[in-house]
Amino acid sequence: MSEGPGGKEAWAGGGRVMVGLVLVSHSAGLATEAVALVLGIAGREAPVAAAGGTEDGRLGTSLDLIEAAVRAVDQGDGVVLVPDLGSSVLTARLVEEPGRVVVADVPFVEGAIAAAVTAGTGASLADVLAAAEESRTYRKL
């Protein structure tokens, strides 16, 4: 486990290159807890980081925190950004780089878990994004 942007925790696998994942939220607490859930399901070695709230702890979205989180989880296979809603989507899109950093239009929790579990198999960026996008069709009943 290593310290990520703004004191957030980021995890990287022991020598295994994987697609990274950044959870972008208006709330630092929500992003951090979502990362904890993802790691509990996908495994502690998953390169996942939280980018929530603003640098001064308020609700909002920070381009600087997102960029730092991308750097923290980027192992060379690409990074999937999972934003919660509204301006976090718009801010996340500012760091998109086709084929390297992509934004997933997915449910926040379900998409993050699907992406992390798929990344753990060594899947490509395109396959991790596709798995996250498939989460839009998950039914609970």
N, C-alpha and C. Protein backbone atom coordinates (compact mmCIF):
# COMPACT_ATOMS: atom_id res chain seq x y z
N MET A 1 0.85 -1.16 0.00
CA MET A 1 0.00 0.00 0.00
C MET A 1 0.90 1.22 0.00
N SER A 2 0.52 2.21 -0.81
CA SER A 2 1.30 3.44 -0.86
C SER A 2 0.36 4.63 -0.73
N GLU A 3 0.92 5.75 -0.36
CA GLU A 3 0.14 6.97 -0.19
C GLU A 3 -0.09 7.59 -1.55
N GLY A 4 -1.32 7.88 -1.87
CA GLY A 4 -1.69 8.47 -3.15
C GLY A 4 -1.84 9.97 -3.01
N PRO A 5 -2.52 10.59 -3.98
CA PRO A 5 -2.68 12.03 -4.01
C PRO A 5 -3.50 12.54 -2.84
N GLY A 6 -3.11 13.67 -2.31
CA GLY A 6 -3.86 14.31 -1.24
C GLY A 6 -4.01 13.44 -0.01
N GLY A 7 -3.04 12.54 0.23
CA GLY A 7 -3.12 11.67 1.39
C GLY A 7 -4.01 10.46 1.18
N LYS A 8 -4.58 10.31 -0.01
CA LYS A 8 -5.43 9.17 -0.30
C LYS A 8 -4.55 7.94 -0.51
N GLU A 9 -5.10 6.79 -0.19
CA GLU A 9 -4.34 5.57 -0.36
C GLU A 9 -4.46 5.06 -1.79
N ALA A 10 -3.38 4.54 -2.31
CA ALA A 10 -3.36 3.93 -3.64
C ALA A 10 -2.63 2.61 -3.52
N TRP A 11 -3.09 1.62 -4.26
CA TRP A 11 -2.49 0.29 -4.18
C TRP A 11 -1.99 -0.13 -5.54
N ALA A 12 -0.84 -0.76 -5.56
CA ALA A 12 -0.29 -1.29 -6.80
C ALA A 12 0.16 -2.72 -6.57
N GLY A 13 -0.02 -3.54 -7.57
CA GLY A 13 0.34 -4.96 -7.47
C GLY A 13 1.84 -5.15 -7.38
N GLY A 14 2.25 -6.25 -6.78
CA GLY A 14 3.66 -6.57 -6.61
C GLY A 14 4.29 -7.03 -7.90
N GLY A 15 4.66 -6.12 -8.77
CA GLY A 15 5.36 -6.45 -9.99
C GLY A 15 4.45 -6.79 -11.16
N ARG A 16 3.17 -7.03 -10.93
CA ARG A 16 2.24 -7.37 -12.00
C ARG A 16 1.63 -6.09 -12.56
N VAL A 17 1.75 -5.87 -13.84
CA VAL A 17 1.21 -4.67 -14.47
C VAL A 17 -0.28 -4.88 -14.73
N MET A 18 -1.06 -3.91 -14.34
CA MET A 18 -2.51 -3.97 -14.50
C MET A 18 -3.04 -2.60 -14.91
N VAL A 19 -4.24 -2.61 -15.48
CA VAL A 19 -4.94 -1.36 -15.73
C VAL A 19 -5.29 -0.75 -14.38
N GLY A 20 -5.04 0.55 -14.23
CA GLY A 20 -5.35 1.25 -12.99
C GLY A 20 -6.77 1.78 -13.00
N LEU A 21 -7.24 2.15 -11.83
CA LEU A 21 -8.60 2.63 -11.67
C LEU A 21 -8.61 3.81 -10.71
N VAL A 22 -9.30 4.89 -11.11
CA VAL A 22 -9.45 6.06 -10.24
C VAL A 22 -10.94 6.31 -10.05
N LEU A 23 -11.37 6.37 -8.79
CA LEU A 23 -12.76 6.67 -8.46
C LEU A 23 -12.86 8.16 -8.17
N VAL A 24 -13.61 8.87 -9.00
CA VAL A 24 -13.73 10.32 -8.93
C VAL A 24 -15.10 10.67 -8.35
N SER A 25 -15.10 11.35 -7.22
CA SER A 25 -16.35 11.70 -6.56
C SER A 25 -16.29 13.14 -6.06
N HIS A 26 -17.47 13.69 -5.83
CA HIS A 26 -17.56 15.01 -5.19
C HIS A 26 -17.16 14.93 -3.72
N SER A 27 -17.16 13.74 -3.18
CA SER A 27 -16.91 13.54 -1.75
C SER A 27 -15.67 12.68 -1.53
N ALA A 28 -14.72 13.20 -0.77
CA ALA A 28 -13.52 12.42 -0.46
C ALA A 28 -13.90 11.15 0.30
N GLY A 29 -14.84 11.27 1.23
CA GLY A 29 -15.26 10.12 2.01
C GLY A 29 -15.89 9.04 1.16
N LEU A 30 -16.76 9.43 0.24
CA LEU A 30 -17.41 8.46 -0.64
C LEU A 30 -16.37 7.77 -1.51
N ALA A 31 -15.46 8.52 -2.10
CA ALA A 31 -14.43 7.93 -2.96
C ALA A 31 -13.54 6.97 -2.17
N THR A 32 -13.14 7.35 -0.98
CA THR A 32 -12.27 6.51 -0.15
C THR A 32 -12.97 5.22 0.25
N GLU A 33 -14.23 5.32 0.67
CA GLU A 33 -14.97 4.12 1.07
C GLU A 33 -15.26 3.22 -0.13
N ALA A 34 -15.52 3.81 -1.29
CA ALA A 34 -15.74 3.00 -2.49
C ALA A 34 -14.46 2.25 -2.86
N VAL A 35 -13.30 2.89 -2.71
CA VAL A 35 -12.02 2.22 -2.95
C VAL A 35 -11.87 1.05 -1.98
N ALA A 36 -12.21 1.25 -0.72
CA ALA A 36 -12.11 0.17 0.27
C ALA A 36 -12.99 -1.01 -0.13
N LEU A 37 -14.20 -0.75 -0.59
CA LEU A 37 -15.09 -1.81 -1.04
C LEU A 37 -14.51 -2.54 -2.24
N VAL A 38 -14.04 -1.79 -3.22
CA VAL A 38 -13.45 -2.39 -4.42
C VAL A 38 -12.27 -3.29 -4.04
N LEU A 39 -11.41 -2.81 -3.17
CA LEU A 39 -10.25 -3.60 -2.77
C LEU A 39 -10.65 -4.85 -1.99
N GLY A 40 -11.72 -4.75 -1.20
CA GLY A 40 -12.21 -5.90 -0.47
C GLY A 40 -12.71 -6.99 -1.39
N ILE A 41 -13.24 -6.60 -2.53
CA ILE A 41 -13.78 -7.57 -3.49
C ILE A 41 -12.74 -7.98 -4.52
N ALA A 42 -12.01 -7.01 -5.07
CA ALA A 42 -11.06 -7.29 -6.16
C ALA A 42 -9.70 -7.73 -5.66
N GLY A 43 -9.39 -7.44 -4.40
CA GLY A 43 -8.09 -7.79 -3.85
C GLY A 43 -7.24 -6.57 -3.58
N ARG A 44 -6.47 -6.65 -2.53
CA ARG A 44 -5.66 -5.52 -2.07
C ARG A 44 -4.58 -5.09 -3.05
N GLU A 45 -4.22 -5.95 -4.01
CA GLU A 45 -3.16 -5.61 -4.95
C GLU A 45 -3.65 -4.74 -6.10
N ALA A 46 -4.95 -4.54 -6.20
CA ALA A 46 -5.50 -3.76 -7.31
C ALA A 46 -5.02 -2.31 -7.25
N PRO A 47 -4.55 -1.77 -8.38
CA PRO A 47 -4.12 -0.36 -8.42
C PRO A 47 -5.32 0.57 -8.53
N VAL A 48 -5.85 0.95 -7.38
CA VAL A 48 -7.06 1.78 -7.31
C VAL A 48 -6.77 2.97 -6.40
N ALA A 49 -7.24 4.15 -6.82
CA ALA A 49 -7.06 5.35 -6.01
C ALA A 49 -8.34 6.16 -5.97
N ALA A 50 -8.51 6.89 -4.89
CA ALA A 50 -9.64 7.80 -4.71
C ALA A 50 -9.21 9.21 -5.10
N ALA A 51 -10.09 9.90 -5.82
CA ALA A 51 -9.90 11.32 -6.11
C ALA A 51 -11.23 12.00 -5.80
N GLY A 52 -11.43 12.30 -4.53
CA GLY A 52 -12.71 12.86 -4.12
C GLY A 52 -12.56 14.20 -3.44
N GLY A 53 -13.55 15.04 -3.65
CA GLY A 53 -13.57 16.35 -3.00
C GLY A 53 -12.52 17.30 -3.55
N THR A 54 -12.31 18.35 -2.79
CA THR A 54 -11.33 19.37 -3.18
C THR A 54 -10.10 19.26 -2.27
N GLU A 55 -9.05 19.96 -2.64
CA GLU A 55 -7.81 19.93 -1.86
C GLU A 55 -8.01 20.41 -0.43
N ASP A 56 -8.98 21.29 -0.21
CA ASP A 56 -9.20 21.81 1.13
C ASP A 56 -10.33 21.09 1.87
N GLY A 57 -10.73 19.92 1.36
CA GLY A 57 -11.69 19.08 2.06
C GLY A 57 -13.16 19.36 1.83
N ARG A 58 -13.46 20.25 0.92
CA ARG A 58 -14.86 20.56 0.62
C ARG A 58 -15.42 19.58 -0.40
N LEU A 59 -16.74 19.60 -0.56
CA LEU A 59 -17.36 18.86 -1.64
C LEU A 59 -17.00 19.53 -2.96
N GLY A 60 -16.75 18.74 -3.97
CA GLY A 60 -16.39 19.27 -5.27
C GLY A 60 -15.47 18.29 -5.98
N THR A 61 -14.94 18.73 -7.08
CA THR A 61 -14.06 17.87 -7.86
C THR A 61 -12.80 18.64 -8.20
N SER A 62 -11.65 17.99 -8.06
CA SER A 62 -10.36 18.65 -8.27
C SER A 62 -9.59 18.00 -9.41
N LEU A 63 -9.29 18.78 -10.42
CA LEU A 63 -8.48 18.30 -11.53
C LEU A 63 -7.11 17.84 -11.02
N ASP A 64 -6.53 18.59 -10.11
CA ASP A 64 -5.21 18.24 -9.57
C ASP A 64 -5.24 16.88 -8.86
N LEU A 65 -6.28 16.62 -8.07
CA LEU A 65 -6.38 15.34 -7.37
C LEU A 65 -6.57 14.19 -8.36
N ILE A 66 -7.36 14.43 -9.40
CA ILE A 66 -7.56 13.38 -10.41
C ILE A 66 -6.24 13.08 -11.13
N GLU A 67 -5.53 14.11 -11.54
CA GLU A 67 -4.26 13.90 -12.24
C GLU A 67 -3.26 13.16 -11.35
N ALA A 68 -3.20 13.52 -10.09
CA ALA A 68 -2.27 12.85 -9.16
C ALA A 68 -2.68 11.39 -8.97
N ALA A 69 -3.98 11.12 -8.88
CA ALA A 69 -4.45 9.74 -8.73
C ALA A 69 -4.13 8.91 -9.96
N VAL A 70 -4.27 9.50 -11.14
CA VAL A 70 -3.91 8.79 -12.37
C VAL A 70 -2.44 8.41 -12.34
N ARG A 71 -1.58 9.34 -11.97
CA ARG A 71 -0.15 9.04 -11.88
C ARG A 71 0.13 7.93 -10.87
N ALA A 72 -0.61 7.92 -9.77
CA ALA A 72 -0.39 6.94 -8.71
C ALA A 72 -0.74 5.52 -9.13
N VAL A 73 -1.73 5.35 -10.01
CA VAL A 73 -2.17 3.99 -10.39
C VAL A 73 -1.73 3.57 -11.77
N ASP A 74 -1.16 4.46 -12.54
CA ASP A 74 -0.76 4.14 -13.92
C ASP A 74 0.47 3.26 -13.91
N GLN A 75 0.29 2.02 -14.33
CA GLN A 75 1.39 1.06 -14.40
C GLN A 75 1.82 0.81 -15.84
N GLY A 76 1.24 1.55 -16.78
CA GLY A 76 1.62 1.40 -18.17
C GLY A 76 0.57 0.74 -19.04
N ASP A 77 -0.46 0.13 -18.42
CA ASP A 77 -1.52 -0.52 -19.20
C ASP A 77 -2.74 0.36 -19.38
N GLY A 78 -2.71 1.56 -18.83
CA GLY A 78 -3.83 2.47 -18.94
C GLY A 78 -4.56 2.64 -17.64
N VAL A 79 -5.50 3.59 -17.63
CA VAL A 79 -6.25 3.94 -16.43
C VAL A 79 -7.71 4.19 -16.81
N VAL A 80 -8.61 3.62 -16.03
CA VAL A 80 -10.04 3.86 -16.19
C VAL A 80 -10.48 4.79 -15.06
N LEU A 81 -11.16 5.87 -15.42
CA LEU A 81 -11.72 6.80 -14.46
C LEU A 81 -13.21 6.50 -14.30
N VAL A 82 -13.67 6.37 -13.07
CA VAL A 82 -15.08 6.13 -12.79
C VAL A 82 -15.59 7.31 -11.97
N PRO A 83 -16.27 8.26 -12.61
CA PRO A 83 -16.80 9.42 -11.89
C PRO A 83 -18.19 9.14 -11.33
N ASP A 84 -18.56 9.90 -10.27
CA ASP A 84 -19.90 9.68 -9.73
C ASP A 84 -20.98 10.38 -10.55
N LEU A 85 -20.93 11.69 -10.71
CA LEU A 85 -21.98 12.38 -11.47
C LEU A 85 -21.58 13.82 -11.76
N GLY A 86 -22.33 14.43 -12.66
CA GLY A 86 -22.21 15.86 -12.95
C GLY A 86 -20.81 16.35 -13.25
N SER A 87 -20.36 17.32 -12.45
CA SER A 87 -19.07 17.97 -12.73
C SER A 87 -17.89 17.02 -12.56
N SER A 88 -18.04 15.94 -11.81
CA SER A 88 -16.92 14.99 -11.72
C SER A 88 -16.69 14.33 -13.08
N VAL A 89 -17.77 14.12 -13.83
CA VAL A 89 -17.64 13.56 -15.18
C VAL A 89 -16.92 14.56 -16.07
N LEU A 90 -17.35 15.81 -16.01
CA LEU A 90 -16.74 16.84 -16.85
C LEU A 90 -15.27 17.04 -16.51
N THR A 91 -14.94 17.02 -15.22
CA THR A 91 -13.54 17.20 -14.81
C THR A 91 -12.70 15.99 -15.21
N ALA A 92 -13.24 14.79 -15.02
CA ALA A 92 -12.52 13.57 -15.42
C ALA A 92 -12.23 13.57 -16.91
N ARG A 93 -13.15 14.07 -17.70
CA ARG A 93 -12.95 14.08 -19.17
C ARG A 93 -11.79 14.98 -19.59
N LEU A 94 -11.40 15.92 -18.72
CA LEU A 94 -10.28 16.79 -19.04
C LEU A 94 -8.95 16.04 -19.06
N VAL A 95 -8.87 14.89 -18.40
CA VAL A 95 -7.61 14.13 -18.38
C VAL A 95 -7.64 12.92 -19.31
N GLU A 96 -8.72 12.76 -20.06
CA GLU A 96 -8.80 11.64 -21.00
C GLU A 96 -7.69 11.71 -22.05
N GLU A 97 -7.13 10.56 -22.34
CA GLU A 97 -6.16 10.40 -23.41
C GLU A 97 -6.50 9.09 -24.10
N PRO A 98 -7.06 9.14 -25.30
CA PRO A 98 -7.49 7.91 -25.96
C PRO A 98 -6.41 6.83 -25.94
N GLY A 99 -6.83 5.63 -25.54
CA GLY A 99 -5.91 4.51 -25.48
C GLY A 99 -5.05 4.47 -24.23
N ARG A 100 -5.16 5.49 -23.36
CA ARG A 100 -4.35 5.51 -22.15
C ARG A 100 -5.16 5.83 -20.89
N VAL A 101 -5.97 6.87 -20.93
CA VAL A 101 -6.82 7.25 -19.80
C VAL A 101 -8.23 7.46 -20.35
N VAL A 102 -9.17 6.64 -19.85
CA VAL A 102 -10.54 6.69 -20.37
C VAL A 102 -11.54 6.87 -19.23
N VAL A 103 -12.66 7.52 -19.54
CA VAL A 103 -13.73 7.71 -18.58
C VAL A 103 -14.81 6.68 -18.85
N ALA A 104 -15.24 6.00 -17.81
CA ALA A 104 -16.29 4.99 -17.93
C ALA A 104 -17.63 5.61 -17.55
N ASP A 105 -18.60 5.50 -18.42
CA ASP A 105 -19.96 5.97 -18.17
C ASP A 105 -20.73 4.82 -17.55
N VAL A 106 -20.55 4.64 -16.23
CA VAL A 106 -21.06 3.46 -15.54
C VAL A 106 -21.58 3.82 -14.16
N PRO A 107 -22.38 2.93 -13.56
CA PRO A 107 -22.75 3.13 -12.15
C PRO A 107 -21.48 3.14 -11.30
N PHE A 108 -21.41 4.03 -10.34
CA PHE A 108 -20.18 4.27 -9.59
C PHE A 108 -19.63 3.01 -8.91
N VAL A 109 -20.43 2.36 -8.11
CA VAL A 109 -19.94 1.20 -7.36
C VAL A 109 -19.83 -0.04 -8.25
N GLU A 110 -20.89 -0.38 -8.96
CA GLU A 110 -20.89 -1.58 -9.79
C GLU A 110 -19.82 -1.51 -10.88
N GLY A 111 -19.70 -0.34 -11.50
CA GLY A 111 -18.71 -0.17 -12.56
C GLY A 111 -17.28 -0.27 -12.03
N ALA A 112 -17.05 0.31 -10.85
CA ALA A 112 -15.72 0.25 -10.26
C ALA A 112 -15.33 -1.19 -9.92
N ILE A 113 -16.25 -1.94 -9.35
CA ILE A 113 -15.95 -3.33 -8.99
C ILE A 113 -15.71 -4.16 -10.24
N ALA A 114 -16.57 -4.02 -11.24
CA ALA A 114 -16.39 -4.78 -12.48
C ALA A 114 -15.04 -4.46 -13.13
N ALA A 115 -14.68 -3.19 -13.15
CA ALA A 115 -13.41 -2.78 -13.74
C ALA A 115 -12.23 -3.37 -12.98
N ALA A 116 -12.26 -3.27 -11.66
CA ALA A 116 -11.13 -3.75 -10.85
C ALA A 116 -10.98 -5.27 -10.94
N VAL A 117 -12.08 -5.99 -10.88
CA VAL A 117 -12.01 -7.46 -10.97
C VAL A 117 -11.46 -7.87 -12.33
N THR A 118 -11.90 -7.22 -13.38
CA THR A 118 -11.42 -7.55 -14.72
C THR A 118 -9.96 -7.15 -14.88
N ALA A 119 -9.58 -6.01 -14.35
CA ALA A 119 -8.17 -5.59 -14.42
C ALA A 119 -7.28 -6.61 -13.74
N GLY A 120 -7.78 -7.21 -12.67
CA GLY A 120 -7.01 -8.21 -11.93
C GLY A 120 -6.70 -9.46 -12.72
N THR A 121 -7.41 -9.67 -13.81
CA THR A 121 -7.14 -10.84 -14.66
C THR A 121 -6.03 -10.54 -15.67
N GLY A 122 -5.56 -9.29 -15.68
CA GLY A 122 -4.55 -8.89 -16.65
C GLY A 122 -5.14 -8.42 -17.96
N ALA A 123 -6.45 -8.13 -17.95
CA ALA A 123 -7.14 -7.70 -19.17
C ALA A 123 -6.63 -6.36 -19.68
N SER A 124 -6.88 -6.11 -20.95
CA SER A 124 -6.47 -4.86 -21.59
C SER A 124 -7.37 -3.71 -21.14
N LEU A 125 -6.94 -2.50 -21.43
CA LEU A 125 -7.73 -1.31 -21.11
C LEU A 125 -9.11 -1.40 -21.74
N ALA A 126 -9.19 -1.79 -23.00
CA ALA A 126 -10.48 -1.90 -23.69
C ALA A 126 -11.38 -2.93 -23.01
N ASP A 127 -10.81 -4.05 -22.58
CA ASP A 127 -11.61 -5.08 -21.92
C ASP A 127 -12.07 -4.65 -20.53
N VAL A 128 -11.22 -3.93 -19.80
CA VAL A 128 -11.60 -3.42 -18.49
C VAL A 128 -12.73 -2.41 -18.63
N LEU A 129 -12.62 -1.52 -19.61
CA LEU A 129 -13.67 -0.54 -19.86
C LEU A 129 -14.97 -1.25 -20.25
N ALA A 130 -14.89 -2.26 -21.11
CA ALA A 130 -16.09 -2.99 -21.53
C ALA A 130 -16.76 -3.69 -20.35
N ALA A 131 -15.97 -4.27 -19.46
CA ALA A 131 -16.54 -4.93 -18.27
C ALA A 131 -17.24 -3.91 -17.38
N ALA A 132 -16.63 -2.76 -17.21
CA ALA A 132 -17.26 -1.70 -16.42
C ALA A 132 -18.57 -1.27 -17.07
N GLU A 133 -18.57 -1.09 -18.37
CA GLU A 133 -19.77 -0.65 -19.08
C GLU A 133 -20.88 -1.70 -19.02
N GLU A 134 -20.52 -2.95 -18.96
CA GLU A 134 -21.51 -4.02 -18.86
C GLU A 134 -22.29 -3.92 -17.53
N SER A 135 -21.69 -3.28 -16.54
CA SER A 135 -22.34 -3.16 -15.23
C SER A 135 -23.65 -2.36 -15.32
N ARG A 136 -23.83 -1.59 -16.38
CA ARG A 136 -25.08 -0.84 -16.55
C ARG A 136 -26.28 -1.77 -16.67
N THR A 137 -26.04 -3.01 -17.04
CA THR A 137 -27.14 -3.95 -17.25
C THR A 137 -27.38 -4.87 -16.05
N TYR A 138 -26.58 -4.78 -15.00
CA TYR A 138 -26.74 -5.64 -13.84
C TYR A 138 -28.10 -5.40 -13.20
N ARG A 139 -28.77 -6.47 -12.91
CA ARG A 139 -30.05 -6.39 -12.20
C ARG A 139 -29.87 -6.94 -10.79
N LYS A 140 -30.58 -6.39 -9.87
CA LYS A 140 -30.48 -6.82 -8.48
C LYS A 140 -31.58 -7.81 -8.11
N LEU A 141 -32.63 -7.84 -8.86
CA LEU A 141 -33.74 -8.79 -8.63
C LEU A 141 -34.09 -9.49 -9.92
